[in-house]
PDB file of N, CA and C in Angstrom:
ATOM      1  N   UNK A   1      59.747  11.186 -80.616  1.00  0.00           N
ATOM      2  CA  UNK A   1      59.902  10.291 -79.491  1.00  0.00           C
ATOM      3  C   UNK A   1      61.382   9.964 -79.305  1.00  0.00           C
ATOM      4  N   UNK A   2      61.823   9.985 -78.090  1.00  0.00           N
ATOM      5  CA  UNK A   2      63.236   9.773 -77.784  1.00  0.00           C
ATOM      6  C   UNK A   2      63.582   8.301 -77.865  1.00  0.00           C
ATOM      7  N   UNK A   3      64.696   7.991 -78.509  1.00  0.00           N
ATOM      8  CA  UNK A   3      65.165   6.622 -78.628  1.00  0.00           C
ATOM      9  C   UNK A   3      65.749   6.176 -77.291  1.00  0.00           C
ATOM     10  N   UNK A   4      65.297   5.036 -76.769  1.00  0.00           N
ATOM     11  CA  UNK A   4      65.733   4.557 -75.448  1.00  0.00           C
ATOM     12  C   UNK A   4      67.192   4.140 -75.436  1.00  0.00           C
ATOM     13  N   UNK A   5      67.782   3.879 -76.592  1.00  0.00           N
ATOM     14  CA  UNK A   5      69.176   3.447 -76.628  1.00  0.00           C
ATOM     15  C   UNK A   5      70.138   4.621 -76.720  1.00  0.00           C
ATOM     16  N   UNK A   6      69.642   5.848 -76.642  1.00  0.00           N
ATOM     17  CA  UNK A   6      70.480   7.032 -76.723  1.00  0.00           C
ATOM     18  C   UNK A   6      71.457   7.064 -75.553  1.00  0.00           C
ATOM     19  N   UNK A   7      72.694   7.376 -75.854  1.00  0.00           N
ATOM     20  CA  UNK A   7      73.733   7.437 -74.823  1.00  0.00           C
ATOM     21  C   UNK A   7      73.462   8.583 -73.858  1.00  0.00           C
ATOM     22  N   UNK A   8      73.877   8.412 -72.605  1.00  0.00           N
ATOM     23  CA  UNK A   8      73.713   9.454 -71.590  1.00  0.00           C
ATOM     24  C   UNK A   8      74.593  10.663 -71.891  1.00  0.00           C
ATOM     25  N   UNK A   9      75.544  10.502 -72.789  1.00  0.00           N
ATOM     26  CA  UNK A   9      76.462  11.594 -73.107  1.00  0.00           C
ATOM     27  C   UNK A   9      75.948  12.492 -74.231  1.00  0.00           C
ATOM     28  N   UNK A  10      74.889  12.093 -74.886  1.00  0.00           N
ATOM     29  CA  UNK A  10      74.356  12.914 -75.964  1.00  0.00           C
ATOM     30  C   UNK A  10      73.636  14.120 -75.388  1.00  0.00           C
ATOM     31  N   UNK A  11      73.857  15.295 -75.974  1.00  0.00           N
ATOM     32  CA  UNK A  11      73.195  16.495 -75.467  1.00  0.00           C
ATOM     33  C   UNK A  11      71.677  16.407 -75.566  1.00  0.00           C
ATOM     34  N   UNK A  12      71.013  16.864 -74.534  1.00  0.00           N
ATOM     35  CA  UNK A  12      69.568  16.942 -74.520  1.00  0.00           C
ATOM     36  C   UNK A  12      69.175  18.387 -74.779  1.00  0.00           C
ATOM     37  N   UNK A  13      67.926  18.712 -74.629  1.00  0.00           N
ATOM     38  CA  UNK A  13      67.457  20.078 -74.808  1.00  0.00           C
ATOM     39  C   UNK A  13      68.197  20.989 -73.840  1.00  0.00           C
ATOM     40  N   UNK A  14      68.651  22.133 -74.311  1.00  0.00           N
ATOM     41  CA  UNK A  14      69.356  23.077 -73.447  1.00  0.00           C
ATOM     42  C   UNK A  14      70.855  22.937 -73.516  1.00  0.00           C
ATOM     43  N   UNK A  15      71.382  22.007 -74.306  1.00  0.00           N
ATOM     44  CA  UNK A  15      72.820  21.878 -74.488  1.00  0.00           C
ATOM     45  C   UNK A  15      73.544  21.061 -73.436  1.00  0.00           C
ATOM     46  N   UNK A  16      72.858  20.511 -72.448  1.00  0.00           N
ATOM     47  CA  UNK A  16      73.497  19.699 -71.413  1.00  0.00           C
ATOM     48  C   UNK A  16      73.165  18.233 -71.632  1.00  0.00           C
ATOM     49  N   UNK A  17      74.141  17.367 -71.415  1.00  0.00           N
ATOM     50  CA  UNK A  17      73.869  15.936 -71.487  1.00  0.00           C
ATOM     51  C   UNK A  17      73.167  15.510 -70.198  1.00  0.00           C
ATOM     52  N   UNK A  18      72.601  14.354 -70.217  1.00  0.00           N
ATOM     53  CA  UNK A  18      71.922  13.838 -69.022  1.00  0.00           C
ATOM     54  C   UNK A  18      72.912  13.685 -67.874  1.00  0.00           C
ATOM     55  N   UNK A  19      74.123  13.254 -68.183  1.00  0.00           N
ATOM     56  CA  UNK A  19      75.167  13.097 -67.162  1.00  0.00           C
ATOM     57  C   UNK A  19      75.510  14.456 -66.527  1.00  0.00           C
ATOM     58  N   UNK A  20      75.612  15.506 -67.359  1.00  0.00           N
ATOM     59  CA  UNK A  20      75.907  16.838 -66.840  1.00  0.00           C
ATOM     60  C   UNK A  20      74.773  17.363 -65.966  1.00  0.00           C
ATOM     61  N   UNK A  21      73.545  17.107 -66.375  1.00  0.00           N
ATOM     62  CA  UNK A  21      72.394  17.538 -65.565  1.00  0.00           C
ATOM     63  C   UNK A  21      72.390  16.871 -64.201  1.00  0.00           C
ATOM     64  N   UNK A  22      72.636  15.568 -64.179  1.00  0.00           N
ATOM     65  CA  UNK A  22      72.653  14.834 -62.910  1.00  0.00           C
ATOM     66  C   UNK A  22      73.764  15.374 -62.013  1.00  0.00           C
ATOM     67  N   UNK A  23      74.920  15.659 -62.604  1.00  0.00           N
ATOM     68  CA  UNK A  23      76.036  16.217 -61.828  1.00  0.00           C
ATOM     69  C   UNK A  23      75.653  17.574 -61.228  1.00  0.00           C
ATOM     70  N   UNK A  24      75.046  18.436 -62.027  1.00  0.00           N
ATOM     71  CA  UNK A  24      74.638  19.755 -61.524  1.00  0.00           C
ATOM     72  C   UNK A  24      73.575  19.645 -60.433  1.00  0.00           C
ATOM     73  N   UNK A  25      72.637  18.731 -60.599  1.00  0.00           N
ATOM     74  CA  UNK A  25      71.609  18.522 -59.576  1.00  0.00           C
ATOM     75  C   UNK A  25      72.264  18.061 -58.272  1.00  0.00           C
ATOM     76  N   UNK A  26      73.237  17.153 -58.367  1.00  0.00           N
ATOM     77  CA  UNK A  26      73.956  16.687 -57.182  1.00  0.00           C
ATOM     78  C   UNK A  26      74.684  17.814 -56.475  1.00  0.00           C
ATOM     79  N   UNK A  27      75.331  18.683 -57.243  1.00  0.00           N
ATOM     80  CA  UNK A  27      76.024  19.832 -56.653  1.00  0.00           C
ATOM     81  C   UNK A  27      75.052  20.746 -55.913  1.00  0.00           C
ATOM     82  N   UNK A  28      73.919  21.023 -56.538  1.00  0.00           N
ATOM     83  CA  UNK A  28      72.923  21.888 -55.897  1.00  0.00           C
ATOM     84  C   UNK A  28      72.376  21.265 -54.623  1.00  0.00           C
ATOM     85  N   UNK A  29      72.126  19.961 -54.638  1.00  0.00           N
ATOM     86  CA  UNK A  29      71.642  19.292 -53.434  1.00  0.00           C
ATOM     87  C   UNK A  29      72.670  19.377 -52.307  1.00  0.00           C
ATOM     88  N   UNK A  30      73.934  19.142 -52.623  1.00  0.00           N
ATOM     89  CA  UNK A  30      74.989  19.217 -51.603  1.00  0.00           C
ATOM     90  C   UNK A  30      75.078  20.621 -51.011  1.00  0.00           C
ATOM     91  N   UNK A  31      75.015  21.641 -51.872  1.00  0.00           N
ATOM     92  CA  UNK A  31      75.072  23.013 -51.378  1.00  0.00           C
ATOM     93  C   UNK A  31      73.878  23.318 -50.486  1.00  0.00           C
ATOM     94  N   UNK A  32      72.702  22.858 -50.878  1.00  0.00           N
ATOM     95  CA  UNK A  32      71.508  23.094 -50.072  1.00  0.00           C
ATOM     96  C   UNK A  32      71.583  22.415 -48.724  1.00  0.00           C
ATOM     97  N   UNK A  33      72.077  21.192 -48.699  1.00  0.00           N
ATOM     98  CA  UNK A  33      72.193  20.445 -47.446  1.00  0.00           C
ATOM     99  C   UNK A  33      73.200  21.128 -46.525  1.00  0.00           C
ATOM    100  N   UNK A  34      74.349  21.523 -47.072  1.00  0.00           N
ATOM    101  CA  UNK A  34      75.377  22.144 -46.238  1.00  0.00           C
ATOM    102  C   UNK A  34      74.984  23.533 -45.766  1.00  0.00           C
ATOM    103  N   UNK A  35      74.051  24.194 -46.445  1.00  0.00           N
ATOM    104  CA  UNK A  35      73.596  25.511 -46.019  1.00  0.00           C
ATOM    105  C   UNK A  35      72.372  25.437 -45.125  1.00  0.00           C
ATOM    106  N   UNK A  36      71.940  24.239 -44.819  1.00  0.00           N
ATOM    107  CA  UNK A  36      70.771  24.052 -43.972  1.00  0.00           C
ATOM    108  C   UNK A  36      71.019  24.650 -42.589  1.00  0.00           C
ATOM    109  N   UNK A  37      70.065  25.435 -42.045  1.00  0.00           N
ATOM    110  CA  UNK A  37      70.244  26.028 -40.713  1.00  0.00           C
ATOM    111  C   UNK A  37      70.476  24.981 -39.625  1.00  0.00           C
ATOM    112  N   UNK A  38      69.944  23.794 -39.793  1.00  0.00           N
ATOM    113  CA  UNK A  38      70.114  22.751 -38.785  1.00  0.00           C
ATOM    114  C   UNK A  38      71.560  22.285 -38.689  1.00  0.00           C
ATOM    115  N   UNK A  39      72.336  22.461 -39.757  1.00  0.00           N
ATOM    116  CA  UNK A  39      73.718  22.012 -39.761  1.00  0.00           C
ATOM    117  C   UNK A  39      74.716  23.120 -39.473  1.00  0.00           C
ATOM    118  N   UNK A  40      74.288  24.356 -39.441  1.00  0.00           N
ATOM    119  CA  UNK A  40      75.193  25.479 -39.246  1.00  0.00           C
ATOM    120  C   UNK A  40      75.740  25.512 -37.831  1.00  0.00           C
ATOM    121  N   UNK A  41      76.916  26.043 -37.685  1.00  0.00           N
ATOM    122  CA  UNK A  41      77.520  26.227 -36.373  1.00  0.00           C
ATOM    123  C   UNK A  41      76.772  27.309 -35.611  1.00  0.00           C
ATOM    124  N   UNK A  42      77.035  27.435 -34.338  1.00  0.00           N
ATOM    125  CA  UNK A  42      76.342  28.427 -33.519  1.00  0.00           C
ATOM    126  C   UNK A  42      76.648  29.858 -33.958  1.00  0.00           C
ATOM    127  N   UNK A  43      77.800  30.062 -34.604  1.00  0.00           N
ATOM    128  CA  UNK A  43      78.153  31.396 -35.088  1.00  0.00           C
ATOM    129  C   UNK A  43      77.670  31.657 -36.506  1.00  0.00           C
ATOM    130  N   UNK A  44      76.925  30.723 -37.083  1.00  0.00           N
ATOM    131  CA  UNK A  44      76.419  30.882 -38.439  1.00  0.00           C
ATOM    132  C   UNK A  44      77.413  30.451 -39.499  1.00  0.00           C
ATOM    133  N   UNK A  45      78.587  29.983 -39.081  1.00  0.00           N
ATOM    134  CA  UNK A  45      79.612  29.542 -40.019  1.00  0.00           C
ATOM    135  C   UNK A  45      79.354  28.132 -40.503  1.00  0.00           C
ATOM    136  N   UNK A  46      80.358  27.538 -41.123  1.00  0.00           N
ATOM    137  CA  UNK A  46      80.202  26.167 -41.611  1.00  0.00           C
ATOM    138  C   UNK A  46      79.910  25.202 -40.469  1.00  0.00           C
ATOM    139  N   UNK A  47      79.382  24.026 -40.774  1.00  0.00           N
ATOM    140  CA  UNK A  47      79.091  23.046 -39.725  1.00  0.00           C
ATOM    141  C   UNK A  47      80.327  22.755 -38.883  1.00  0.00           C
ATOM    142  N   UNK A  48      80.122  22.584 -37.594  1.00  0.00           N
ATOM    143  CA  UNK A  48      81.232  22.365 -36.669  1.00  0.00           C
ATOM    144  C   UNK A  48      82.024  21.119 -37.018  1.00  0.00           C
ATOM    145  N   UNK A  49      81.357  20.067 -37.474  1.00  0.00           N
ATOM    146  CA  UNK A  49      82.048  18.828 -37.799  1.00  0.00           C
ATOM    147  C   UNK A  49      83.031  19.031 -38.945  1.00  0.00           C
ATOM    148  N   UNK A  50      82.727  19.933 -39.852  1.00  0.00           N
ATOM    149  CA  UNK A  50      83.597  20.162 -40.995  1.00  0.00           C
ATOM    150  C   UNK A  50      84.762  21.071 -40.617  1.00  0.00           C
ATOM    151  N   UNK A  51      84.580  21.976 -39.694  1.00  0.00           N
ATOM    152  CA  UNK A  51      85.633  22.917 -39.335  1.00  0.00           C
ATOM    153  C   UNK A  51      86.519  22.421 -38.203  1.00  0.00           C
ATOM    154  N   UNK A  52      86.232  21.265 -37.636  1.00  0.00           N
ATOM    155  CA  UNK A  52      87.071  20.716 -36.575  1.00  0.00           C
ATOM    156  C   UNK A  52      88.446  20.385 -37.153  1.00  0.00           C
ATOM    157  N   UNK A  53      89.346  19.916 -36.334  1.00  0.00           N
ATOM    158  CA  UNK A  53      90.718  19.608 -36.723  1.00  0.00           C
ATOM    159  C   UNK A  53      90.752  18.869 -38.062  1.00  0.00           C
ATOM    160  N   UNK A  54      91.229  19.540 -39.089  1.00  0.00           N
ATOM    161  CA  UNK A  54      91.182  19.001 -40.445  1.00  0.00           C
ATOM    162  C   UNK A  54      92.194  17.881 -40.669  1.00  0.00           C
ATOM    163  N   UNK A  55      93.226  17.778 -39.824  1.00  0.00           N
ATOM    164  CA  UNK A  55      94.252  16.773 -40.034  1.00  0.00           C
ATOM    165  C   UNK A  55      93.832  15.397 -39.535  1.00  0.00           C
ATOM    166  N   UNK A  56      93.139  15.320 -38.436  1.00  0.00           N
ATOM    167  CA  UNK A  56      92.750  14.044 -37.855  1.00  0.00           C
ATOM    168  C   UNK A  56      91.247  13.829 -37.976  1.00  0.00           C
ATOM    169  N   UNK A  57      90.824  12.733 -38.599  1.00  0.00           N
ATOM    170  CA  UNK A  57      89.388  12.507 -38.767  1.00  0.00           C
ATOM    171  C   UNK A  57      88.676  12.046 -37.500  1.00  0.00           C
ATOM    172  N   UNK A  58      89.393  11.431 -36.554  1.00  0.00           N
ATOM    173  CA  UNK A  58      88.734  10.882 -35.374  1.00  0.00           C
ATOM    174  C   UNK A  58      87.948  11.915 -34.572  1.00  0.00           C
ATOM    175  N   UNK A  59      88.546  13.077 -34.213  1.00  0.00           N
ATOM    176  CA  UNK A  59      87.759  14.058 -33.457  1.00  0.00           C
ATOM    177  C   UNK A  59      86.580  14.602 -34.261  1.00  0.00           C
ATOM    178  N   UNK A  60      86.737  14.690 -35.579  1.00  0.00           N
ATOM    179  CA  UNK A  60      85.641  15.164 -36.418  1.00  0.00           C
ATOM    180  C   UNK A  60      84.492  14.164 -36.413  1.00  0.00           C
ATOM    181  N   UNK A  61      84.825  12.878 -36.450  1.00  0.00           N
ATOM    182  CA  UNK A  61      83.794  11.836 -36.420  1.00  0.00           C
ATOM    183  C   UNK A  61      83.084  11.852 -35.075  1.00  0.00           C
ATOM    184  N   UNK A  62      83.841  11.960 -33.987  1.00  0.00           N
ATOM    185  CA  UNK A  62      83.241  12.003 -32.648  1.00  0.00           C
ATOM    186  C   UNK A  62      82.310  13.209 -32.523  1.00  0.00           C
ATOM    187  N   UNK A  63      82.741  14.375 -32.995  1.00  0.00           N
ATOM    188  CA  UNK A  63      81.884  15.568 -32.947  1.00  0.00           C
ATOM    189  C   UNK A  63      80.607  15.362 -33.744  1.00  0.00           C
ATOM    190  N   UNK A  64      80.729  14.748 -34.905  1.00  0.00           N
ATOM    191  CA  UNK A  64      79.554  14.506 -35.735  1.00  0.00           C
ATOM    192  C   UNK A  64      78.584  13.553 -35.030  1.00  0.00           C
ATOM    193  N   UNK A  65      79.126  12.495 -34.422  1.00  0.00           N
ATOM    194  CA  UNK A  65      78.269  11.530 -33.724  1.00  0.00           C
ATOM    195  C   UNK A  65      77.637  12.131 -32.467  1.00  0.00           C
ATOM    196  N   UNK A  66      78.285  13.092 -31.843  1.00  0.00           N
ATOM    197  CA  UNK A  66      77.672  13.774 -30.692  1.00  0.00           C
ATOM    198  C   UNK A  66      76.388  14.483 -31.110  1.00  0.00           C
ATOM    199  N   UNK A  67      76.401  15.048 -32.292  1.00  0.00           N
ATOM    200  CA  UNK A  67      75.247  15.814 -32.768  1.00  0.00           C
ATOM    201  C   UNK A  67      74.170  14.933 -33.408  1.00  0.00           C
ATOM    202  N   UNK A  68      74.582  13.847 -34.038  1.00  0.00           N
ATOM    203  CA  UNK A  68      73.637  13.063 -34.834  1.00  0.00           C
ATOM    204  C   UNK A  68      73.362  11.660 -34.290  1.00  0.00           C
ATOM    205  N   UNK A  69      73.909  11.314 -33.165  1.00  0.00           N
ATOM    206  CA  UNK A  69      73.705  10.052 -32.458  1.00  0.00           C
ATOM    207  C   UNK A  69      74.215   8.844 -33.220  1.00  0.00           C
ATOM    208  N   UNK A  70      73.732   8.562 -34.423  1.00  0.00           N
ATOM    209  CA  UNK A  70      74.234   7.444 -35.226  1.00  0.00           C
ATOM    210  C   UNK A  70      74.488   7.931 -36.643  1.00  0.00           C
ATOM    211  N   UNK A  71      75.399   7.223 -37.322  1.00  0.00           N
ATOM    212  CA  UNK A  71      75.692   7.571 -38.712  1.00  0.00           C
ATOM    213  C   UNK A  71      76.322   6.373 -39.406  1.00  0.00           C
ATOM    214  N   UNK A  72      76.064   6.268 -40.688  1.00  0.00           N
ATOM    215  CA  UNK A  72      76.671   5.218 -41.500  1.00  0.00           C
ATOM    216  C   UNK A  72      78.045   5.700 -41.968  1.00  0.00           C
ATOM    217  N   UNK A  73      78.911   4.776 -42.353  1.00  0.00           N
ATOM    218  CA  UNK A  73      80.215   5.194 -42.885  1.00  0.00           C
ATOM    219  C   UNK A  73      80.076   6.094 -44.110  1.00  0.00           C
ATOM    220  N   UNK A  74      79.109   5.809 -44.970  1.00  0.00           N
ATOM    221  CA  UNK A  74      78.902   6.622 -46.175  1.00  0.00           C
ATOM    222  C   UNK A  74      78.499   8.047 -45.797  1.00  0.00           C
ATOM    223  N   UNK A  75      77.651   8.183 -44.787  1.00  0.00           N
ATOM    224  CA  UNK A  75      77.223   9.508 -44.334  1.00  0.00           C
ATOM    225  C   UNK A  75      78.404  10.272 -43.750  1.00  0.00           C
ATOM    226  N   UNK A  76      79.197   9.616 -42.920  1.00  0.00           N
ATOM    227  CA  UNK A  76      80.375  10.242 -42.317  1.00  0.00           C
ATOM    228  C   UNK A  76      81.355  10.668 -43.404  1.00  0.00           C
ATOM    229  N   UNK A  77      81.594   9.785 -44.343  1.00  0.00           N
ATOM    230  CA  UNK A  77      82.500  10.074 -45.457  1.00  0.00           C
ATOM    231  C   UNK A  77      82.054  11.303 -46.233  1.00  0.00           C
ATOM    232  N   UNK A  78      80.765  11.374 -46.545  1.00  0.00           N
ATOM    233  CA  UNK A  78      80.243  12.473 -47.357  1.00  0.00           C
ATOM    234  C   UNK A  78      80.247  13.803 -46.598  1.00  0.00           C
ATOM    235  N   UNK A  79      79.765  13.790 -45.369  1.00  0.00           N
ATOM    236  CA  UNK A  79      79.644  15.036 -44.610  1.00  0.00           C
ATOM    237  C   UNK A  79      81.005  15.602 -44.220  1.00  0.00           C
ATOM    238  N   UNK A  80      81.933  14.732 -43.851  1.00  0.00           N
ATOM    239  CA  UNK A  80      83.244  15.201 -43.401  1.00  0.00           C
ATOM    240  C   UNK A  80      84.261  15.298 -44.531  1.00  0.00           C
ATOM    241  N   UNK A  81      83.828  14.957 -45.742  1.00  0.00           N
ATOM    242  CA  UNK A  81      84.674  15.049 -46.924  1.00  0.00           C
ATOM    243  C   UNK A  81      85.964  14.247 -46.757  1.00  0.00           C
ATOM    244  N   UNK A  82      85.815  12.974 -46.389  1.00  0.00           N
ATOM    245  CA  UNK A  82      86.946  12.075 -46.205  1.00  0.00           C
ATOM    246  C   UNK A  82      86.942  11.026 -47.303  1.00  0.00           C
ATOM    247  N   UNK A  83      88.094  10.452 -47.565  1.00  0.00           N
ATOM    248  CA  UNK A  83      88.145   9.336 -48.506  1.00  0.00           C
ATOM    249  C   UNK A  83      87.562   8.099 -47.824  1.00  0.00           C
ATOM    250  N   UNK A  84      87.183   7.128 -48.627  1.00  0.00           N
ATOM    251  CA  UNK A  84      86.594   5.899 -48.090  1.00  0.00           C
ATOM    252  C   UNK A  84      87.575   5.196 -47.149  1.00  0.00           C
ATOM    253  N   UNK A  85      88.832   5.066 -47.592  1.00  0.00           N
ATOM    254  CA  UNK A  85      89.810   4.349 -46.771  1.00  0.00           C
ATOM    255  C   UNK A  85      90.117   5.107 -45.471  1.00  0.00           C
ATOM    256  N   UNK A  86      90.208   6.418 -45.545  1.00  0.00           N
ATOM    257  CA  UNK A  86      90.486   7.212 -44.337  1.00  0.00           C
ATOM    258  C   UNK A  86      89.320   7.111 -43.342  1.00  0.00           C
ATOM    259  N   UNK A  87      88.104   7.093 -43.871  1.00  0.00           N
ATOM    260  CA  UNK A  87      86.921   6.956 -43.017  1.00  0.00           C
ATOM    261  C   UNK A  87      86.950   5.621 -42.283  1.00  0.00           C
ATOM    262  N   UNK A  88      87.172   4.538 -43.014  1.00  0.00           N
ATOM    263  CA  UNK A  88      87.152   3.212 -42.388  1.00  0.00           C
ATOM    264  C   UNK A  88      88.308   3.013 -41.421  1.00  0.00           C
ATOM    265  N   UNK A  89      89.487   3.542 -41.732  1.00  0.00           N
ATOM    266  CA  UNK A  89      90.606   3.426 -40.786  1.00  0.00           C
ATOM    267  C   UNK A  89      90.316   4.181 -39.499  1.00  0.00           C
ATOM    268  N   UNK A  90      89.762   5.398 -39.629  1.00  0.00           N
ATOM    269  CA  UNK A  90      89.433   6.192 -38.440  1.00  0.00           C
ATOM    270  C   UNK A  90      88.352   5.496 -37.616  1.00  0.00           C
ATOM    271  N   UNK A  91      87.343   4.934 -38.285  1.00  0.00           N
ATOM    272  CA  UNK A  91      86.284   4.212 -37.563  1.00  0.00           C
ATOM    273  C   UNK A  91      86.859   3.002 -36.832  1.00  0.00           C
ATOM    274  N   UNK A  92      87.782   2.290 -37.457  1.00  0.00           N
ATOM    275  CA  UNK A  92      88.400   1.135 -36.801  1.00  0.00           C
ATOM    276  C   UNK A  92      89.211   1.555 -35.576  1.00  0.00           C
ATOM    277  N   UNK A  93      89.943   2.657 -35.687  1.00  0.00           N
ATOM    278  CA  UNK A  93      90.708   3.144 -34.520  1.00  0.00           C
ATOM    279  C   UNK A  93      89.775   3.546 -33.389  1.00  0.00           C
ATOM    280  N   UNK A  94      88.662   4.204 -33.721  1.00  0.00           N
ATOM    281  CA  UNK A  94      87.695   4.598 -32.691  1.00  0.00           C
ATOM    282  C   UNK A  94      87.019   3.376 -32.075  1.00  0.00           C
ATOM    283  N   UNK A  95      86.747   2.352 -32.872  1.00  0.00           N
ATOM    284  CA  UNK A  95      86.176   1.113 -32.342  1.00  0.00           C
ATOM    285  C   UNK A  95      87.149   0.438 -31.375  1.00  0.00           C
ATOM    286  N   UNK A  96      88.403   0.328 -31.787  1.00  0.00           N
ATOM    287  CA  UNK A  96      89.407  -0.327 -30.949  1.00  0.00           C
ATOM    288  C   UNK A  96      89.668   0.431 -29.650  1.00  0.00           C
ATOM    289  N   UNK A  97      89.548   1.751 -29.689  1.00  0.00           N
ATOM    290  CA  UNK A  97      89.760   2.548 -28.475  1.00  0.00           C
ATOM    291  C   UNK A  97      88.524   2.561 -27.579  1.00  0.00           C
ATOM    292  N   UNK A  98      87.411   2.036 -28.064  1.00  0.00           N
ATOM    293  CA  UNK A  98      86.190   1.966 -27.259  1.00  0.00           C
ATOM    294  C   UNK A  98      85.375   3.246 -27.241  1.00  0.00           C
ATOM    295  N   UNK A  99      85.696   4.199 -28.110  1.00  0.00           N
ATOM    296  CA  UNK A  99      84.954   5.457 -28.133  1.00  0.00           C
ATOM    297  C   UNK A  99      83.627   5.351 -28.873  1.00  0.00           C
ATOM    298  N   UNK A 100      83.570   4.449 -29.864  1.00  0.00           N
ATOM    299  CA  UNK A 100      82.328   4.248 -30.612  1.00  0.00           C
ATOM    300  C   UNK A 100      81.997   2.763 -30.643  1.00  0.00           C
ATOM    301  N   UNK A 101      80.763   2.470 -31.003  1.00  0.00           N
ATOM    302  CA  UNK A 101      80.319   1.087 -31.140  1.00  0.00           C
ATOM    303  C   UNK A 101      79.585   0.957 -32.469  1.00  0.00           C
ATOM    304  N   UNK A 102      79.650  -0.236 -33.033  1.00  0.00           N
ATOM    305  CA  UNK A 102      78.963  -0.521 -34.298  1.00  0.00           C
ATOM    306  C   UNK A 102      77.682  -1.278 -34.001  1.00  0.00           C
ATOM    307  N   UNK A 103      76.709  -1.161 -34.893  1.00  0.00           N
ATOM    308  CA  UNK A 103      75.451  -1.882 -34.712  1.00  0.00           C
ATOM    309  C   UNK A 103      75.533  -3.314 -35.210  1.00  0.00           C
ATOM    310  N   UNK A 104      76.653  -3.695 -35.784  1.00  0.00           N
ATOM    311  CA  UNK A 104      76.822  -5.056 -36.265  1.00  0.00           C
ATOM    312  C   UNK A 104      76.407  -5.244 -37.706  1.00  0.00           C
ATOM    313  N   UNK A 105      75.826  -4.229 -38.322  1.00  0.00           N
ATOM    314  CA  UNK A 105      75.413  -4.339 -39.714  1.00  0.00           C
ATOM    315  C   UNK A 105      76.601  -4.302 -40.655  1.00  0.00           C
ATOM    316  N   UNK A 106      76.372  -4.778 -41.849  1.00  0.00           N
ATOM    317  CA  UNK A 106      77.422  -4.758 -42.865  1.00  0.00           C
ATOM    318  C   UNK A 106      76.982  -3.881 -44.033  1.00  0.00           C
ATOM    319  N   UNK A 107      77.933  -3.381 -44.758  1.00  0.00           N
ATOM    320  CA  UNK A 107      77.740  -2.532 -45.945  1.00  0.00           C
ATOM    321  C   UNK A 107      76.762  -1.397 -45.667  1.00  0.00           C
ATOM    322  N   UNK A 108      75.642  -1.357 -46.382  1.00  0.00           N
ATOM    323  CA  UNK A 108      74.736  -0.207 -46.248  1.00  0.00           C
ATOM    324  C   UNK A 108      73.984  -0.187 -44.918  1.00  0.00           C
ATOM    325  N   UNK A 109      73.951  -1.307 -44.205  1.00  0.00           N
ATOM    326  CA  UNK A 109      73.240  -1.356 -42.926  1.00  0.00           C
ATOM    327  C   UNK A 109      74.131  -0.986 -41.744  1.00  0.00           C
ATOM    328  N   UNK A 110      75.414  -0.766 -41.987  1.00  0.00           N
ATOM    329  CA  UNK A 110      76.334  -0.437 -40.901  1.00  0.00           C
ATOM    330  C   UNK A 110      76.034   0.951 -40.350  1.00  0.00           C
ATOM    331  N   UNK A 111      76.136   1.073 -39.037  1.00  0.00           N
ATOM    332  CA  UNK A 111      75.949   2.365 -38.381  1.00  0.00           C
ATOM    333  C   UNK A 111      76.820   2.395 -37.131  1.00  0.00           C
ATOM    334  N   UNK A 112      77.248   3.584 -36.761  1.00  0.00           N
ATOM    335  CA  UNK A 112      78.110   3.763 -35.603  1.00  0.00           C
ATOM    336  C   UNK A 112      77.492   4.776 -34.659  1.00  0.00           C
ATOM    337  N   UNK A 113      77.806   4.623 -33.370  1.00  0.00           N
ATOM    338  CA  UNK A 113      77.308   5.536 -32.345  1.00  0.00           C
ATOM    339  C   UNK A 113      78.397   5.694 -31.298  1.00  0.00           C
ATOM    340  N   UNK A 114      78.298   6.779 -30.527  1.00  0.00           N
ATOM    341  CA  UNK A 114      79.233   6.978 -29.426  1.00  0.00           C
ATOM    342  C   UNK A 114      78.913   6.007 -28.306  1.00  0.00           C
ATOM    343  N   UNK A 115      79.946   5.593 -27.588  1.00  0.00           N
ATOM    344  CA  UNK A 115      79.750   4.730 -26.429  1.00  0.00           C
ATOM    345  C   UNK A 115      79.547   5.626 -25.224  1.00  0.00           C
ATOM    346  N   UNK A 116      78.453   5.417 -24.518  1.00  0.00           N
ATOM    347  CA  UNK A 116      78.163   6.195 -23.317  1.00  0.00           C
ATOM    348  C   UNK A 116      78.827   5.497 -22.139  1.00  0.00           C
ATOM    349  N   UNK A 117      79.900   6.089 -21.640  1.00  0.00           N
ATOM    350  CA  UNK A 117      80.624   5.508 -20.528  1.00  0.00           C
ATOM    351  C   UNK A 117      80.142   6.127 -19.225  1.00  0.00           C
ATOM    352  N   UNK A 118      79.707   5.284 -18.314  1.00  0.00           N
ATOM    353  CA  UNK A 118      79.258   5.746 -17.009  1.00  0.00           C
ATOM    354  C   UNK A 118      80.187   5.148 -15.958  1.00  0.00           C
ATOM    355  N   UNK A 119      81.095   5.943 -15.368  1.00  0.00           N
ATOM    356  CA  UNK A 119      82.070   5.412 -14.418  1.00  0.00           C
ATOM    357  C   UNK A 119      81.432   4.846 -13.148  1.00  0.00           C
ATOM    358  N   UNK A 120      80.198   5.217 -12.824  1.00  0.00           N
ATOM    359  CA  UNK A 120      79.531   4.697 -11.627  1.00  0.00           C
ATOM    360  C   UNK A 120      79.070   3.253 -11.824  1.00  0.00           C
ATOM    361  N   UNK A 121      79.049   2.777 -13.064  1.00  0.00           N
ATOM    362  CA  UNK A 121      78.596   1.392 -13.345  1.00  0.00           C
ATOM    363  C   UNK A 121      79.820   0.505 -13.514  1.00  0.00           C
ATOM    364  N   UNK A 122      80.349  -0.023 -12.433  1.00  0.00           N
ATOM    365  CA  UNK A 122      81.522  -0.904 -12.503  1.00  0.00           C
ATOM    366  C   UNK A 122      81.143  -2.313 -12.371  1.00  0.00           C
TER     367      UNK A 122
END
């Protein structure tokens, strides 16, 4: 019987620690998600949001929101491979420019969407 106080760093059956197994499972999940046909570009290449202008996160975020309607900061950060601070700064710039809107939620409940501008509605 396994002792419940065993450290996560101790090797389990197969020579991998529990921490290493979790890391490998995470890598496999990420690869599977990114290879999903629903996320592939029209040419079969990497997702369009990831291949957009790599220097500026704002156009990448806008492209992602065009396809997915709403997204949390954590989702945007993970899919576009941005740092937390870069994600939040880009979201703030997009909010201030009026290109996106927030749902008003905080932390895990926060979500962003594109603002639908209709020039006929003045």
